[in-house]
Protein backbone atom coordinates (compact mmCIF):
# COMPACT_ATOMS: atom_id res chain seq x y z
CA UNK A 1 1.29 12.64 -20.48
CA UNK A 2 2.93 9.84 -17.92
CA UNK A 3 1.74 9.48 -14.26
CA UNK A 4 5.00 7.32 -12.35
CA UNK A 5 5.50 6.44 -8.99
CA UNK A 6 9.42 6.58 -8.28
CA UNK A 7 9.15 3.50 -5.91
CA UNK A 8 9.01 1.52 -9.56
CA UNK A 9 12.74 2.42 -10.90
CA UNK A 10 16.00 1.95 -8.91
CA UNK A 11 19.84 2.71 -9.06
CA UNK A 12 21.85 1.50 -12.55
CA UNK A 13 23.79 -1.78 -12.29
CA UNK A 14 20.62 -3.03 -9.66
CA UNK A 15 17.80 -6.12 -10.76
CA UNK A 16 14.38 -3.18 -11.63
CA UNK A 17 13.44 -1.11 -14.04
CA UNK A 18 16.02 2.23 -14.27
CA UNK A 19 14.61 5.98 -14.85
CA UNK A 20 14.86 5.69 -18.56
CA UNK A 21 11.69 3.81 -18.90
CA UNK A 22 10.02 7.27 -17.76
CA UNK A 23 10.40 8.88 -21.29
CA UNK A 24 10.09 6.15 -23.31
CA UNK A 25 7.05 5.21 -21.49
CA UNK A 26 6.15 8.99 -22.56
CA UNK A 27 7.29 8.06 -25.46
CA UNK A 28 4.91 5.41 -26.19
CA UNK A 29 1.74 8.01 -25.12
CA UNK A 30 3.31 9.85 -27.29
CA UNK A 31 2.81 7.32 -30.83
CA UNK A 32 -0.69 6.47 -29.29
CA UNK A 33 -2.20 10.07 -29.31
CA UNK A 34 -0.53 10.43 -32.78
CA UNK A 35 -1.57 7.03 -34.52
CA UNK A 36 -5.99 8.17 -32.52
CA UNK A 37 -5.64 11.33 -34.68
CA UNK A 38 -5.10 9.50 -37.84
CA UNK A 39 -7.35 6.80 -37.03
CA UNK A 40 -9.86 9.94 -36.61
CA UNK A 41 -8.52 11.17 -40.07
CA UNK A 42 -8.68 8.85 -41.97
CA UNK A 43 -11.54 6.47 -40.16
CA UNK A 44 -14.00 7.30 -42.97
CA UNK A 45 -11.84 6.65 -45.73
CA UNK A 46 -10.82 3.29 -44.93
CA UNK A 47 -14.25 2.60 -43.27
CA UNK A 48 -15.37 3.32 -47.80
CA UNK A 49 -12.35 0.74 -48.70
CA UNK A 50 -13.09 -1.70 -46.91
CA UNK A 51 -17.08 -1.86 -48.28
CA UNK A 52 -16.02 -1.78 -51.21
CA UNK A 53 -13.07 -4.64 -50.88
CA UNK A 54 -16.46 -6.23 -48.62
CA UNK A 55 -19.29 -5.68 -51.56
CA UNK A 56 -17.14 -7.19 -53.65
CA UNK A 57 -16.42 -10.19 -52.32
CA UNK A 58 -20.08 -10.30 -51.84
CA UNK A 59 -21.06 -9.81 -55.02
CA UNK A 60 -18.69 -12.71 -56.77
CA UNK A 61 -19.73 -14.65 -54.31
CA UNK A 62 -23.17 -14.57 -55.18
CA UNK A 63 -22.07 -15.19 -59.00
CA UNK A 64 -23.59 -11.11 -60.73
CA UNK A 65 -19.92 -10.86 -61.85
CA UNK A 66 -20.46 -11.00 -65.34
CA UNK A 67 -23.58 -9.60 -65.62
CA UNK A 68 -23.99 -5.65 -67.48
CA UNK A 69 -22.41 -2.74 -65.97
CA UNK A 70 -25.93 -1.21 -65.27
CA UNK A 71 -27.42 -4.66 -63.83
CA UNK A 72 -24.11 -5.21 -61.93
CA UNK A 73 -24.18 -1.64 -60.57
CA UNK A 74 -27.72 -2.03 -58.89
CA UNK A 75 -27.13 -5.13 -57.75
CA UNK A 76 -24.03 -3.33 -56.20
CA UNK A 77 -26.36 -0.19 -54.39
CA UNK A 78 -28.94 -3.17 -53.73
CA UNK A 79 -25.52 -4.99 -51.07
CA UNK A 80 -25.00 -1.74 -49.94
CA UNK A 81 -28.18 -0.90 -48.22
CA UNK A 82 -28.22 -4.65 -46.86
CA UNK A 83 -24.33 -4.55 -46.22
CA UNK A 84 -24.88 -0.84 -43.82
CA UNK A 85 -27.94 -1.86 -42.39
CA UNK A 86 -26.22 -5.57 -40.66
CA UNK A 87 -27.80 -7.76 -42.97
CA UNK A 88 -25.14 -9.63 -44.44
CA UNK A 89 -23.13 -9.72 -41.04
CA UNK A 90 -23.42 -13.10 -40.84
CA UNK A 91 -22.54 -14.22 -44.32
CA UNK A 92 -19.72 -16.12 -45.72
CA UNK A 93 -17.79 -14.95 -47.99
CA UNK A 94 -14.12 -16.03 -49.38
CA UNK A 95 -11.45 -13.08 -48.45
CA UNK A 96 -7.51 -12.73 -48.79
CA UNK A 97 -6.44 -12.13 -45.97
CA UNK A 98 -3.04 -12.47 -43.88
CA UNK A 99 -2.66 -15.69 -42.24
CA UNK A 100 -2.71 -15.32 -38.64
CA UNK A 101 0.40 -17.43 -37.51
CA UNK A 102 2.92 -14.81 -36.97
CA UNK A 103 0.87 -12.43 -35.63
CA UNK A 104 -0.03 -14.79 -32.61
CA UNK A 105 3.98 -15.71 -31.80
CA UNK A 106 4.24 -12.25 -31.54
CA UNK A 107 1.21 -11.51 -29.28
CA UNK A 108 2.07 -14.86 -27.24
CA UNK A 109 5.36 -13.35 -26.03
CA UNK A 110 4.64 -10.00 -25.38
CA UNK A 111 2.25 -11.29 -22.47
CA UNK A 112 6.24 -12.00 -20.51
CA UNK A 113 6.88 -8.90 -18.79
CA UNK A 114 9.98 -8.17 -21.73
CA UNK A 115 10.82 -4.53 -22.05
CA UNK A 116 13.38 -4.74 -24.62
CA UNK A 117 10.94 -7.41 -26.83
CA UNK A 118 11.39 -4.68 -29.38
CA UNK A 119 15.03 -4.64 -29.54
CA UNK A 120 15.86 -8.67 -29.52
CA UNK A 121 12.79 -9.13 -32.31
CA UNK A 122 13.68 -5.89 -34.91
CA UNK A 123 10.27 -3.30 -35.14
CA UNK A 124 7.38 -5.48 -35.44
CA UNK A 125 6.26 -3.71 -38.76
CA UNK A 126 8.79 -5.33 -40.49
CA UNK A 127 7.49 -8.83 -39.90
CA UNK A 128 3.84 -7.73 -40.58
CA UNK A 129 5.08 -7.18 -44.44
CA UNK A 130 5.96 -10.79 -44.77
CA UNK A 131 3.38 -12.15 -44.26
CA UNK A 132 2.08 -14.82 -45.55
CA UNK A 133 -1.93 -14.28 -47.45
CA UNK A 134 -4.22 -16.32 -48.79
CA UNK A 135 -8.23 -17.31 -49.93
CA UNK A 136 -10.34 -17.29 -46.49
CA UNK A 137 -13.98 -18.15 -46.27
CA UNK A 138 -15.46 -15.53 -43.33
CA UNK A 139 -18.32 -13.70 -41.88
CA UNK A 140 -19.08 -10.44 -42.48
CA UNK A 141 -18.98 -9.16 -39.31
CA UNK A 142 -15.55 -10.34 -38.59
CA UNK A 143 -13.45 -9.81 -42.24
CA UNK A 144 -14.81 -5.96 -41.38
CA UNK A 145 -12.77 -5.81 -38.25
CA UNK A 146 -10.05 -7.37 -39.53
CA UNK A 147 -9.91 -5.62 -42.75
CA UNK A 148 -10.35 -1.98 -41.68
CA UNK A 149 -6.83 -2.66 -38.79
CA UNK A 150 -5.36 -4.33 -41.95
CA UNK A 151 -6.02 -0.91 -43.93
CA UNK A 152 -5.20 1.50 -40.76
CA UNK A 153 -1.60 -0.73 -40.36
CA UNK A 154 -0.85 0.36 -43.73
CA UNK A 155 -0.83 3.96 -42.47
CA UNK A 156 -0.09 3.77 -39.22
CA UNK A 157 3.53 1.88 -39.19
CA UNK A 158 5.12 4.89 -41.65
CA UNK A 159 7.97 6.60 -39.68
CA UNK A 160 6.69 9.58 -40.44
CA UNK A 161 4.03 8.92 -37.36
CA UNK A 162 7.30 8.16 -34.91
CA UNK A 163 9.29 11.45 -36.12
CA UNK A 164 5.82 13.50 -35.21
CA UNK A 165 5.31 11.08 -31.76
CA UNK A 166 9.25 12.11 -30.54
CA UNK A 167 8.68 15.75 -31.64
CA UNK A 168 5.01 15.28 -29.69
CA UNK A 169 7.16 14.15 -25.76
CA UNK A 170 9.85 16.80 -26.34
CA UNK A 171 7.71 19.93 -26.63
CA UNK A 172 4.41 18.99 -25.23
CA UNK A 173 5.44 15.81 -23.09
CA UNK A 174 4.57 16.17 -19.12
CA UNK A 175 6.06 13.52 -16.50
CA UNK A 176 4.09 13.52 -12.98
CA UNK A 177 6.48 11.98 -10.37
CA UNK A 178 4.87 10.42 -7.70
CA UNK A 179 6.42 9.35 -4.06
CA UNK A 180 8.88 11.42 -4.40
CA UNK A 181 9.44 11.68 -1.04
CA UNK A 182 9.73 7.51 -0.87
CA UNK A 183 13.40 7.96 -2.29
CA UNK A 184 14.51 10.16 0.24
CA UNK A 185 16.22 9.53 3.47
CA UNK A 186 16.16 11.52 6.54
CA UNK A 187 19.75 12.55 7.59
CA UNK A 188 19.34 11.07 11.17
CA UNK A 189 17.94 7.59 9.26
CA UNK A 190 20.98 7.50 6.47
CA UNK A 191 22.43 3.82 6.88
CA UNK A 192 23.74 0.79 4.55
CA UNK A 193 22.48 1.40 0.75
CA UNK A 194 19.05 1.51 -0.56
CA UNK A 195 18.58 0.41 -4.72
CA UNK A 196 15.59 2.33 -4.51
CA UNK A 197 16.49 6.10 -2.94
CA UNK A 198 19.93 8.25 -3.31
CA UNK A 199 20.70 6.13 -6.41
CA UNK A 200 17.20 6.76 -8.49
CA UNK A 201 17.87 10.44 -6.91
CA UNK A 202 21.27 11.21 -9.16
CA UNK A 203 19.43 8.90 -12.47
CA UNK A 204 16.81 11.62 -12.31
CA UNK A 205 19.34 14.39 -12.35
CA UNK A 206 20.07 14.31 -16.23
CA UNK A 207 16.64 13.37 -17.29
CA UNK A 208 15.01 16.65 -15.60
CA UNK A 209 18.10 19.19 -16.46
CA UNK A 210 18.00 18.03 -20.16
CA UNK A 211 19.66 15.18 -21.92
CA UNK A 212 18.71 12.38 -24.48
CA UNK A 213 17.83 9.45 -24.27
CA UNK A 214 17.74 5.98 -26.20
CA UNK A 215 14.72 4.80 -27.37
CA UNK A 216 13.60 1.80 -29.63
CA UNK A 217 11.76 4.72 -31.57
CA UNK A 218 15.00 6.92 -32.01
CA UNK A 219 16.69 9.43 -29.77
CA UNK A 220 14.66 12.46 -27.20
CA UNK A 221 15.88 15.21 -25.69
CA UNK A 222 13.87 16.15 -22.41
CA UNK A 223 15.26 19.57 -22.13
CA UNK A 224 11.52 20.77 -22.86
CA UNK A 225 10.31 17.86 -21.37
CA UNK A 226 7.56 19.33 -17.90
CA UNK A 227 8.59 17.56 -14.89
CA UNK A 228 5.83 17.58 -11.87
CA UNK A 229 6.90 15.94 -8.25
CA UNK A 230 4.97 15.17 -5.60
CA UNK A 231 5.10 13.35 -2.00
CA UNK A 232 3.82 13.96 1.46
CA UNK A 233 7.87 14.21 3.22
CA UNK A 234 5.84 12.99 6.32
CA UNK A 235 9.53 10.71 7.77
CA UNK A 236 11.30 13.19 6.22
CA UNK A 237 11.94 17.11 4.43
CA UNK A 238 12.00 18.49 0.74
CA UNK A 239 15.90 19.56 2.10
CA UNK A 240 16.52 15.97 2.90
CA UNK A 241 16.43 15.63 -1.15
CA UNK A 242 19.95 16.07 -3.09
CA UNK A 243 21.23 19.62 -2.87
CA UNK A 244 21.23 19.28 -7.35
CA UNK A 245 17.60 18.11 -7.42
CA UNK A 246 15.97 20.58 -5.17
CA UNK A 247 17.57 23.00 -7.65
CA UNK A 248 16.41 21.43 -10.77
CA UNK A 249 12.70 21.39 -9.06
CA UNK A 250 12.52 25.72 -7.74
CA UNK A 251 8.83 26.08 -7.67
CA UNK A 252 7.11 24.52 -4.93
CA UNK A 253 3.81 24.49 -3.80
CA UNK A 254 2.02 23.04 -0.13
CA UNK A 255 -1.56 21.88 -0.87
CA UNK A 256 -3.99 22.22 1.40
CA UNK A 257 -5.58 19.70 3.47
CA UNK A 258 -9.41 18.76 2.22
CA UNK A 259 -12.07 20.57 3.51
CA UNK A 260 -15.82 19.96 4.46
CA UNK A 261 -16.29 21.86 0.64
CA UNK A 262 -13.82 19.12 -0.76
CA UNK A 263 -15.08 16.03 0.29
CA UNK A 264 -18.78 16.94 -1.01
CA UNK A 265 -17.90 17.66 -4.10
CA UNK A 266 -16.21 14.52 -4.32
CA UNK A 267 -18.17 12.49 -3.25
CA UNK A 268 -21.42 13.81 -5.60
CA UNK A 269 -19.29 15.42 -8.83
CA UNK A 270 -17.72 12.71 -10.07
CA UNK A 271 -19.78 10.74 -12.77
CA UNK A 272 -19.13 7.41 -10.86
CA UNK A 273 -18.54 8.51 -7.45
CA UNK A 274 -18.42 6.71 -3.89
CA UNK A 275 -21.65 7.05 -2.87
CA UNK A 276 -23.05 5.42 -6.59
CA UNK A 277 -21.11 2.54 -6.74
CA UNK A 278 -22.45 2.08 -3.22
CA UNK A 279 -25.96 2.13 -4.63
CA UNK A 280 -24.47 0.29 -7.14
CA UNK A 281 -22.34 -2.65 -4.80
CA UNK A 282 -25.84 -2.79 -3.18
CA UNK A 283 -28.26 -3.21 -6.33
CA UNK A 284 -26.69 -6.36 -7.02
CA UNK A 285 -28.14 -8.07 -4.15
CA UNK A 286 -31.10 -6.94 -5.02
CA UNK A 287 -31.06 -4.06 -1.84
CA UNK A 288 -32.16 -0.51 -2.78
CA UNK A 289 -30.34 1.98 -1.31
CA UNK A 290 -30.52 5.56 -0.90
CA UNK A 291 -28.09 8.83 0.50
CA UNK A 292 -30.48 12.26 1.67
CA UNK A 293 -28.07 15.06 1.14
CA UNK A 294 -27.84 15.45 4.35
CA UNK A 295 -26.51 11.97 4.78
CA UNK A 296 -23.60 13.37 2.17
CA UNK A 297 -22.80 16.83 3.87
CA UNK A 298 -22.49 14.66 7.24
CA UNK A 299 -19.84 11.60 5.42
CA UNK A 300 -18.05 14.98 4.64
CA UNK A 301 -18.22 16.68 8.07
CA UNK A 302 -16.74 13.57 10.34
CA UNK A 303 -14.40 12.56 7.45
CA UNK A 304 -12.93 16.11 7.76
CA UNK A 305 -13.47 15.93 11.12
CA UNK A 306 -11.35 12.48 11.59
CA UNK A 307 -8.81 13.65 9.54
CA UNK A 308 -8.04 16.85 11.35
CA UNK A 309 -8.03 14.97 14.94
CA UNK A 310 -7.54 11.28 14.22
CA UNK A 311 -4.88 11.59 10.96
CA UNK A 312 -4.46 13.73 7.90
CA UNK A 313 -4.60 10.54 5.39
CA UNK A 314 -7.51 12.86 2.66
CA UNK A 315 -10.13 11.47 0.50
CA UNK A 316 -9.66 7.35 1.55
CA UNK A 317 -11.07 8.48 4.82
CA UNK A 318 -14.46 8.53 3.05
CA UNK A 319 -14.26 5.26 2.23
CA UNK A 320 -13.70 4.29 5.76
CA UNK A 321 -16.74 6.22 6.94
CA UNK A 322 -19.04 5.22 4.02
CA UNK A 323 -17.98 1.87 4.41
CA UNK A 324 -18.77 2.05 8.50
CA UNK A 325 -22.58 2.92 7.66
CA UNK A 326 -23.70 0.70 5.33
CA UNK A 327 -21.30 -2.56 7.55
CA UNK A 328 -24.84 -4.03 8.30
CA UNK A 329 -27.02 -3.51 5.05
CA UNK A 330 -24.01 -5.01 3.33
CA UNK A 331 -23.10 -8.20 5.79
CA UNK A 332 -27.50 -9.04 6.24
CA UNK A 333 -28.22 -7.72 2.16
CA UNK A 334 -29.11 -11.30 0.55
CA UNK A 335 -30.86 -11.83 2.86
CA UNK A 336 -32.73 -8.25 2.54
CA UNK A 337 -33.20 -8.92 -1.24
CA UNK A 338 -35.76 -6.61 -1.71
CA UNK A 339 -36.20 -4.43 0.96
CA UNK A 340 -35.25 -0.21 1.28
CA UNK A 341 -33.40 1.41 3.10
CA UNK A 342 -33.22 5.11 3.48
CA UNK A 343 -29.31 6.18 5.18
CA UNK A 344 -30.41 10.57 6.64
CA UNK A 345 -28.36 12.68 8.74
CA UNK A 346 -29.44 10.72 12.08
CA UNK A 347 -28.18 7.12 10.53
CA UNK A 348 -24.94 8.68 9.55
CA UNK A 349 -24.68 9.67 13.17
CA UNK A 350 -25.57 7.17 14.91
CA UNK A 351 -23.44 4.78 13.45
CA UNK A 352 -20.43 7.55 13.49
CA UNK A 353 -21.77 10.02 16.63
CA UNK A 354 -20.51 7.87 19.48
CA UNK A 355 -16.98 6.81 17.65
CA UNK A 356 -16.05 10.67 17.10
CA UNK A 357 -16.26 11.45 20.89
CA UNK A 358 -13.76 8.61 21.47
CA UNK A 359 -10.46 9.24 19.92
CA UNK A 360 -8.09 6.99 20.95
CA UNK A 361 -10.47 4.35 19.37
CA UNK A 362 -11.57 6.03 16.18
CA UNK A 363 -7.73 5.43 15.35
CA UNK A 364 -7.94 2.17 14.65
CA UNK A 365 -11.70 1.48 13.42
CA UNK A 366 -11.51 5.19 11.31
């Protein structure tokens, strides 16, 4: 799955990202998913291999390598218990690790937004195979993290992962293109040329219909990828889109505006909802804020009412409504440390009630 905004792309031939980048991002996400699956499948095996490597180094450092087999086995088990308990974390051991110099050079290059970096310098896994290895003295805790990554890399750089990822992207890929209305121009306003308008629609046509896109991992066919487009269409209509693009997006759904009940669920159900965020924000100033359930319902009612009377901006309205209610408390928070405030229905009404009677004024405040 990948979500993109249509306005970020430009017509081919103009400076900027072309629409093929959507499919490249989709394949990158697919590779990440496959790698996560491989990691979860091999986690126990890799941790066991790394544990053995570190214990070998610990025993070697302690000078117990020449002891009899029975004594050595007992020593291993003793160190294994200490290792699992974290007692050995700060112990320094001599272990063979790859040179970091080459890897750092890749990291520095990637700081610059070079989308075709891999094509310029080749596949990054090829560079890692030629890294120089050397004996290093390092703490057990640091060695564990680096050795786990090295062991995972041996499995994650295979061509089989790339093959599975491309197959996953082609068969189960979903692309959500937001702000599609921003690349549509009304018939009355079509003057001049915009690099992020009709040209982008024309470039989207073959990808949505089904074509082959070249990526750094290989060719990807878009025949079975699901494309979902969305837009507000305030300044234009869906019929203003290119006729061919309308035909390639056959199912149309008109979404209803958010109701009072929807706003209440938004304010209460998410794990990090806006009420909890506001409480946590003021808690940093040692001010304790409590919202009653009636207050939350009133906030939801007012947000729905203002959206109807002023301008429907959806759930964004909740930010402005809540901010207006806690504005005075937020402003004086540093001077009121240790105090507790209860926001009830009356407090919400007193903060916002007068504004609702004056639609022309609330247009500028809310």
